[in-house]
Amino acid sequence: MLFDIIHEEKHKGEQGVKEKKRMWTILVAVWMVVIFLFSAQPSDESSKESLFVGRMVGQIFVKDFEEWPEEEQEAFAEAINYPVRKTAHATEYAILGIFVFMRCRCQDTWSRKRMIATAWGISTVYAATDEFHQIFVPGRAGMVTDVMIDSSGALAGILLAALAGFIIIGRNRRTEYGS
């Protein structure tokens, strides 16, 4: 009877790991498709979205932005267009990095270093293929600097996820042992 309970718990644990692997694999794949679709947009569509975000930034952070003349609002949005685009690159890859890292965490025999290195490697290779893909999109270009920005964003997301996991595990251990 005890053997059956232990076996059932172990099996339930294995099933839980399989479900987590499946969930994180799906999230990685879906997010890669999202990135691909953003990259497949011709430059004029992509620029419109970035300028829209630039206007939103102005409305949120600049006092009386809505009172400015239309040309000044447009000039502001254009002036911050480059940082908005690069921040979007870094952010979408930070999310990818988190998802890939969480998938790597399902490999319970891997060291934390191996998880981080693998997640960063996968994210960086995807960034490089994404930039290659952009060569074939009207008005877009594959940029090595964008691969570096994407890779840095991925690493930031990975390290954030690793740090969060480290803090949560530490907190759980303190709670478990009554410290």
C-alpha atoms as a PDB file:
ATOM      1  CA  MET A   1       0.000   0.000   0.000  1.00  0.00           C
ATOM      2  CA  LEU A   2       2.756   2.474   0.945  1.00  0.00           C
ATOM      3  CA  PHE A   3       4.604   1.555  -2.260  1.00  0.00           C
ATOM      4  CA  ASP A   4       1.465   2.386  -4.268  1.00  0.00           C
ATOM      5  CA  ILE A   5       1.172   5.832  -2.629  1.00  0.00           C
ATOM      6  CA  ILE A   6       4.858   6.631  -3.215  1.00  0.00           C
ATOM      7  CA  HIS A   7       4.651   5.403  -6.811  1.00  0.00           C
ATOM      8  CA  GLU A   8       1.499   7.456  -7.388  1.00  0.00           C
ATOM      9  CA  GLU A   9       3.137  10.615  -5.964  1.00  0.00           C
ATOM     10  CA  LYS A  10       6.248  10.040  -8.075  1.00  0.00           C
ATOM     11  CA  HIS A  11       4.141   9.463 -11.179  1.00  0.00           C
ATOM     12  CA  LYS A  12       2.081  12.573 -10.418  1.00  0.00           C
ATOM     13  CA  GLY A  13       5.349  14.525 -10.093  1.00  0.00           C
ATOM     14  CA  GLU A  14       6.606  13.201 -13.429  1.00  0.00           C
ATOM     15  CA  GLN A  15       3.290  14.083 -15.037  1.00  0.00           C
ATOM     16  CA  GLY A  16       3.516  17.595 -13.593  1.00  0.00           C
ATOM     17  CA  VAL A  17       6.995  18.044 -15.073  1.00  0.00           C
ATOM     18  CA  LYS A  18       5.758  16.807 -18.463  1.00  0.00           C
ATOM     19  CA  GLU A  19       2.878  19.291 -18.330  1.00  0.00           C
ATOM     20  CA  LYS A  20       5.258  22.137 -17.428  1.00  0.00           C
ATOM     21  CA  LYS A  21       7.598  21.152 -20.273  1.00  0.00           C
ATOM     22  CA  ARG A  22       4.684  21.115 -22.691  1.00  0.00           C
ATOM     23  CA  MET A  23       3.329  24.456 -21.444  1.00  0.00           C
ATOM     24  CA  TRP A  24       6.703  26.256 -21.655  1.00  0.00           C
ATOM     25  CA  THR A  25       7.460  24.699 -25.050  1.00  0.00           C
ATOM     26  CA  ILE A  26       4.128  25.977 -26.380  1.00  0.00           C
ATOM     27  CA  LEU A  27       4.747  29.457 -24.919  1.00  0.00           C
ATOM     28  CA  VAL A  28       8.221  29.561 -26.512  1.00  0.00           C
ATOM     29  CA  ALA A  29       6.809  28.512 -29.897  1.00  0.00           C
ATOM     30  CA  VAL A  30       3.894  30.960 -29.738  1.00  0.00           C
ATOM     31  CA  TRP A  31       6.187  33.842 -28.749  1.00  0.00           C
ATOM     32  CA  MET A  32       8.589  32.982 -31.578  1.00  0.00           C
ATOM     33  CA  VAL A  33       5.645  33.200 -33.984  1.00  0.00           C
ATOM     34  CA  VAL A  34       4.683  36.594 -32.503  1.00  0.00           C
ATOM     35  CA  ILE A  35       8.244  37.858 -33.052  1.00  0.00           C
ATOM     36  CA  PHE A  36       8.233  36.448 -36.598  1.00  0.00           C
ATOM     37  CA  LEU A  37       4.954  38.232 -37.379  1.00  0.00           C
ATOM     38  CA  PHE A  38       6.272  41.561 -36.047  1.00  0.00           C
ATOM     39  CA  SER A  39       9.392  41.105 -38.177  1.00  0.00           C
ATOM     40  CA  ALA A  40       7.320  40.258 -41.249  1.00  0.00           C
ATOM     41  CA  GLN A  41       5.667  43.685 -41.195  1.00  0.00           C
ATOM     42  CA  PRO A  42       6.913  46.015 -43.925  1.00  0.00           C
ATOM     43  CA  SER A  43       8.782  49.033 -42.557  1.00  0.00           C
ATOM     44  CA  ASP A  44       5.924  51.492 -43.145  1.00  0.00           C
ATOM     45  CA  GLU A  45       3.523  49.419 -40.988  1.00  0.00           C
ATOM     46  CA  SER A  46       6.140  48.926 -38.307  1.00  0.00           C
ATOM     47  CA  SER A  47       6.951  52.656 -38.286  1.00  0.00           C
ATOM     48  CA  LYS A  48       3.271  53.566 -37.879  1.00  0.00           C
ATOM     49  CA  GLU A  49       3.062  51.352 -34.793  1.00  0.00           C
ATOM     50  CA  SER A  50       6.248  52.834 -33.342  1.00  0.00           C
ATOM     51  CA  LEU A  51       5.031  56.389 -33.952  1.00  0.00           C
ATOM     52  CA  PHE A  52       1.729  55.511 -32.274  1.00  0.00           C
ATOM     53  CA  VAL A  53       3.668  54.272 -29.237  1.00  0.00           C
ATOM     54  CA  GLY A  54       5.772  57.461 -29.333  1.00  0.00           C
ATOM     55  CA  ARG A  55       2.602  59.559 -29.168  1.00  0.00           C
ATOM     56  CA  MET A  56       1.348  57.465 -26.245  1.00  0.00           C
ATOM     57  CA  VAL A  57       4.656  58.055 -24.441  1.00  0.00           C
ATOM     58  CA  GLY A  58       4.176  61.777 -25.010  1.00  0.00           C
ATOM     59  CA  GLN A  59       0.621  61.678 -23.649  1.00  0.00           C
ATOM     60  CA  ILE A  60       1.715  59.784 -20.544  1.00  0.00           C
ATOM     61  CA  PHE A  61       4.992  61.522 -19.701  1.00  0.00           C
ATOM     62  CA  VAL A  62       4.899  65.017 -21.245  1.00  0.00           C
ATOM     63  CA  LYS A  63       2.828  67.656 -19.497  1.00  0.00           C
ATOM     64  CA  ASP A  64       0.197  69.218 -21.779  1.00  0.00           C
ATOM     65  CA  PHE A  65       1.301  67.051 -24.717  1.00  0.00           C
ATOM     66  CA  GLU A  66      -2.229  67.003 -26.129  1.00  0.00           C
ATOM     67  CA  GLU A  67      -2.205  70.824 -26.238  1.00  0.00           C
ATOM     68  CA  TRP A  68       0.867  70.836 -28.491  1.00  0.00           C
ATOM     69  CA  PRO A  69       0.337  71.516 -32.191  1.00  0.00           C
ATOM     70  CA  GLU A  70      -0.019  68.374 -34.301  1.00  0.00           C
ATOM     71  CA  GLU A  71       3.357  68.945 -35.995  1.00  0.00           C
ATOM     72  CA  GLU A  72       5.160  69.133 -32.625  1.00  0.00           C
ATOM     73  CA  GLN A  73       3.471  65.941 -31.416  1.00  0.00           C
ATOM     74  CA  GLU A  74       4.544  64.229 -34.626  1.00  0.00           C
ATOM     75  CA  ALA A  75       8.101  65.577 -34.282  1.00  0.00           C
ATOM     76  CA  PHE A  76       8.266  64.296 -30.689  1.00  0.00           C
ATOM     77  CA  ALA A  77       7.057  60.836 -31.750  1.00  0.00           C
ATOM     78  CA  GLU A  78       9.626  60.774 -34.564  1.00  0.00           C
ATOM     79  CA  ALA A  79      12.405  61.934 -32.220  1.00  0.00           C
ATOM     80  CA  ILE A  80      11.824  59.016 -29.854  1.00  0.00           C
ATOM     81  CA  ASN A  81      11.038  56.505 -32.607  1.00  0.00           C
ATOM     82  CA  TYR A  82      14.508  54.898 -32.553  1.00  0.00           C
ATOM     83  CA  PRO A  83      14.602  54.278 -28.765  1.00  0.00           C
ATOM     84  CA  VAL A  84      10.987  53.053 -28.865  1.00  0.00           C
ATOM     85  CA  ARG A  85      11.837  50.514 -31.585  1.00  0.00           C
ATOM     86  CA  LYS A  86      14.974  49.285 -29.837  1.00  0.00           C
ATOM     87  CA  THR A  87      13.166  49.033 -26.495  1.00  0.00           C
ATOM     88  CA  ALA A  88      10.484  46.965 -28.236  1.00  0.00           C
ATOM     89  CA  HIS A  89      13.215  44.677 -29.634  1.00  0.00           C
ATOM     90  CA  ALA A  90      14.785  44.202 -26.204  1.00  0.00           C
ATOM     91  CA  THR A  91      11.410  43.658 -24.530  1.00  0.00           C
ATOM     92  CA  GLU A  92      10.147  41.036 -26.968  1.00  0.00           C
ATOM     93  CA  TYR A  93      13.405  39.128 -26.549  1.00  0.00           C
ATOM     94  CA  ALA A  94      13.353  39.524 -22.754  1.00  0.00           C
ATOM     95  CA  ILE A  95       9.994  37.747 -22.838  1.00  0.00           C
ATOM     96  CA  LEU A  96      11.408  35.059 -25.142  1.00  0.00           C
ATOM     97  CA  GLY A  97      14.401  34.671 -22.826  1.00  0.00           C
ATOM     98  CA  ILE A  98      12.123  34.179 -19.822  1.00  0.00           C
ATOM     99  CA  PHE A  99      10.039  31.559 -21.630  1.00  0.00           C
ATOM    100  CA  VAL A 100      13.086  29.651 -22.921  1.00  0.00           C
ATOM    101  CA  PHE A 101      14.748  29.785 -19.486  1.00  0.00           C
ATOM    102  CA  MET A 102      11.591  28.453 -17.820  1.00  0.00           C
ATOM    103  CA  ARG A 103      11.527  25.615 -20.354  1.00  0.00           C
ATOM    104  CA  CYS A 104      15.185  24.875 -19.563  1.00  0.00           C
ATOM    105  CA  ARG A 105      14.354  24.810 -15.838  1.00  0.00           C
ATOM    106  CA  CYS A 106      12.214  21.743 -16.534  1.00  0.00           C
ATOM    107  CA  GLN A 107      15.469  19.860 -17.193  1.00  0.00           C
ATOM    108  CA  ASP A 108      16.000  19.035 -13.524  1.00  0.00           C
ATOM    109  CA  THR A 109      19.479  17.565 -14.048  1.00  0.00           C
ATOM    110  CA  TRP A 110      20.848  20.782 -15.573  1.00  0.00           C
ATOM    111  CA  SER A 111      22.902  23.255 -13.567  1.00  0.00           C
ATOM    112  CA  ARG A 112      21.696  26.845 -13.333  1.00  0.00           C
ATOM    113  CA  LYS A 113      24.660  27.922 -15.519  1.00  0.00           C
ATOM    114  CA  ARG A 114      23.677  25.420 -18.197  1.00  0.00           C
ATOM    115  CA  MET A 115      20.060  26.606 -18.102  1.00  0.00           C
ATOM    116  CA  ILE A 116      21.113  30.248 -18.473  1.00  0.00           C
ATOM    117  CA  ALA A 117      23.653  29.523 -21.223  1.00  0.00           C
ATOM    118  CA  THR A 118      21.234  27.330 -23.181  1.00  0.00           C
ATOM    119  CA  ALA A 119      18.363  29.813 -22.905  1.00  0.00           C
ATOM    120  CA  TRP A 120      20.623  32.679 -23.971  1.00  0.00           C
ATOM    121  CA  GLY A 121      22.068  30.650 -26.841  1.00  0.00           C
ATOM    122  CA  ILE A 122      18.651  29.662 -28.178  1.00  0.00           C
ATOM    123  CA  SER A 123      17.349  33.232 -27.869  1.00  0.00           C
ATOM    124  CA  THR A 124      20.426  34.692 -29.582  1.00  0.00           C
ATOM    125  CA  VAL A 125      20.304  32.200 -32.453  1.00  0.00           C
ATOM    126  CA  TYR A 126      16.617  33.019 -32.913  1.00  0.00           C
ATOM    127  CA  ALA A 127      17.476  36.739 -32.933  1.00  0.00           C
ATOM    128  CA  ALA A 128      20.045  36.124 -35.676  1.00  0.00           C
ATOM    129  CA  THR A 129      17.562  34.134 -37.779  1.00  0.00           C
ATOM    130  CA  ASP A 130      14.967  36.859 -37.205  1.00  0.00           C
ATOM    131  CA  GLU A 131      17.341  39.507 -38.547  1.00  0.00           C
ATOM    132  CA  PHE A 132      18.123  37.278 -41.536  1.00  0.00           C
ATOM    133  CA  HIS A 133      14.372  36.967 -42.154  1.00  0.00           C
ATOM    134  CA  GLN A 134      14.045  40.771 -42.180  1.00  0.00           C
ATOM    135  CA  ILE A 135      16.378  40.989 -45.186  1.00  0.00           C
ATOM    136  CA  PHE A 136      13.470  39.645 -47.262  1.00  0.00           C
ATOM    137  CA  VAL A 137      10.840  42.047 -45.859  1.00  0.00           C
ATOM    138  CA  PRO A 138      10.164  45.240 -47.872  1.00  0.00           C
ATOM    139  CA  GLY A 139      11.909  48.237 -46.342  1.00  0.00           C
ATOM    140  CA  ARG A 140      13.553  46.204 -43.576  1.00  0.00           C
ATOM    141  CA  ALA A 141      17.172  45.191 -43.092  1.00  0.00           C
ATOM    142  CA  GLY A 142      18.969  42.610 -41.009  1.00  0.00           C
ATOM    143  CA  MET A 143      21.177  44.437 -38.509  1.00  0.00           C
ATOM    144  CA  VAL A 144      23.941  42.936 -36.374  1.00  0.00           C
ATOM    145  CA  THR A 145      23.279  45.692 -33.816  1.00  0.00           C
ATOM    146  CA  ASP A 146      19.684  44.475 -33.522  1.00  0.00           C
ATOM    147  CA  VAL A 147      20.932  40.941 -32.814  1.00  0.00           C
ATOM    148  CA  MET A 148      23.050  42.414 -30.005  1.00  0.00           C
ATOM    149  CA  ILE A 149      20.080  44.384 -28.637  1.00  0.00           C
ATOM    150  CA  ASP A 150      17.824  41.319 -28.880  1.00  0.00           C
ATOM    151  CA  SER A 151      20.448  39.111 -27.245  1.00  0.00           C
ATOM    152  CA  SER A 152      20.935  41.629 -24.426  1.00  0.00           C
ATOM    153  CA  GLY A 153      17.176  41.808 -23.892  1.00  0.00           C
ATOM    154  CA  ALA A 154      17.006  38.010 -23.771  1.00  0.00           C
ATOM    155  CA  LEU A 155      19.840  37.872 -21.235  1.00  0.00           C
ATOM    156  CA  ALA A 156      18.120  40.494 -19.072  1.00  0.00           C
ATOM    157  CA  GLY A 157      14.899  38.446 -19.099  1.00  0.00           C
ATOM    158  CA  ILE A 158      16.774  35.220 -18.358  1.00  0.00           C
ATOM    159  CA  LEU A 159      18.673  36.754 -15.437  1.00  0.00           C
ATOM    160  CA  LEU A 160      15.460  38.293 -14.106  1.00  0.00           C
ATOM    161  CA  ALA A 161      13.733  34.892 -14.228  1.00  0.00           C
ATOM    162  CA  ALA A 162      16.747  33.174 -12.633  1.00  0.00           C
ATOM    163  CA  LEU A 163      16.879  35.785  -9.856  1.00  0.00           C
ATOM    164  CA  ALA A 164      13.139  35.507  -9.236  1.00  0.00           C
ATOM    165  CA  GLY A 165      13.469  31.723  -9.036  1.00  0.00           C
ATOM    166  CA  PHE A 166      16.417  32.016  -6.647  1.00  0.00           C
ATOM    167  CA  ILE A 167      14.455  34.378  -4.375  1.00  0.00           C
ATOM    168  CA  ILE A 168      11.324  32.197  -4.437  1.00  0.00           C
ATOM    169  CA  ILE A 169      13.285  29.001  -3.740  1.00  0.00           C
ATOM    170  CA  GLY A 170      15.117  30.734  -0.877  1.00  0.00           C
ATOM    171  CA  ARG A 171      11.847  31.985   0.581  1.00  0.00           C
ATOM    172  CA  ASN A 172      10.276  28.521   0.298  1.00  0.00           C
ATOM    173  CA  ARG A 173      13.258  26.931   2.043  1.00  0.00           C
ATOM    174  CA  ARG A 174      13.093  29.445   4.906  1.00  0.00           C
ATOM    175  CA  THR A 175       9.358  28.798   5.286  1.00  0.00           C
ATOM    176  CA  GLU A 176       9.853  25.023   5.096  1.00  0.00           C
ATOM    177  CA  TYR A 177      12.538  25.001   7.792  1.00  0.00           C
ATOM    178  CA  GLY A 178      10.910  27.669   9.955  1.00  0.00           C
ATOM    179  CA  SER A 179      13.679  30.255   9.659  1.00  0.00           C
END
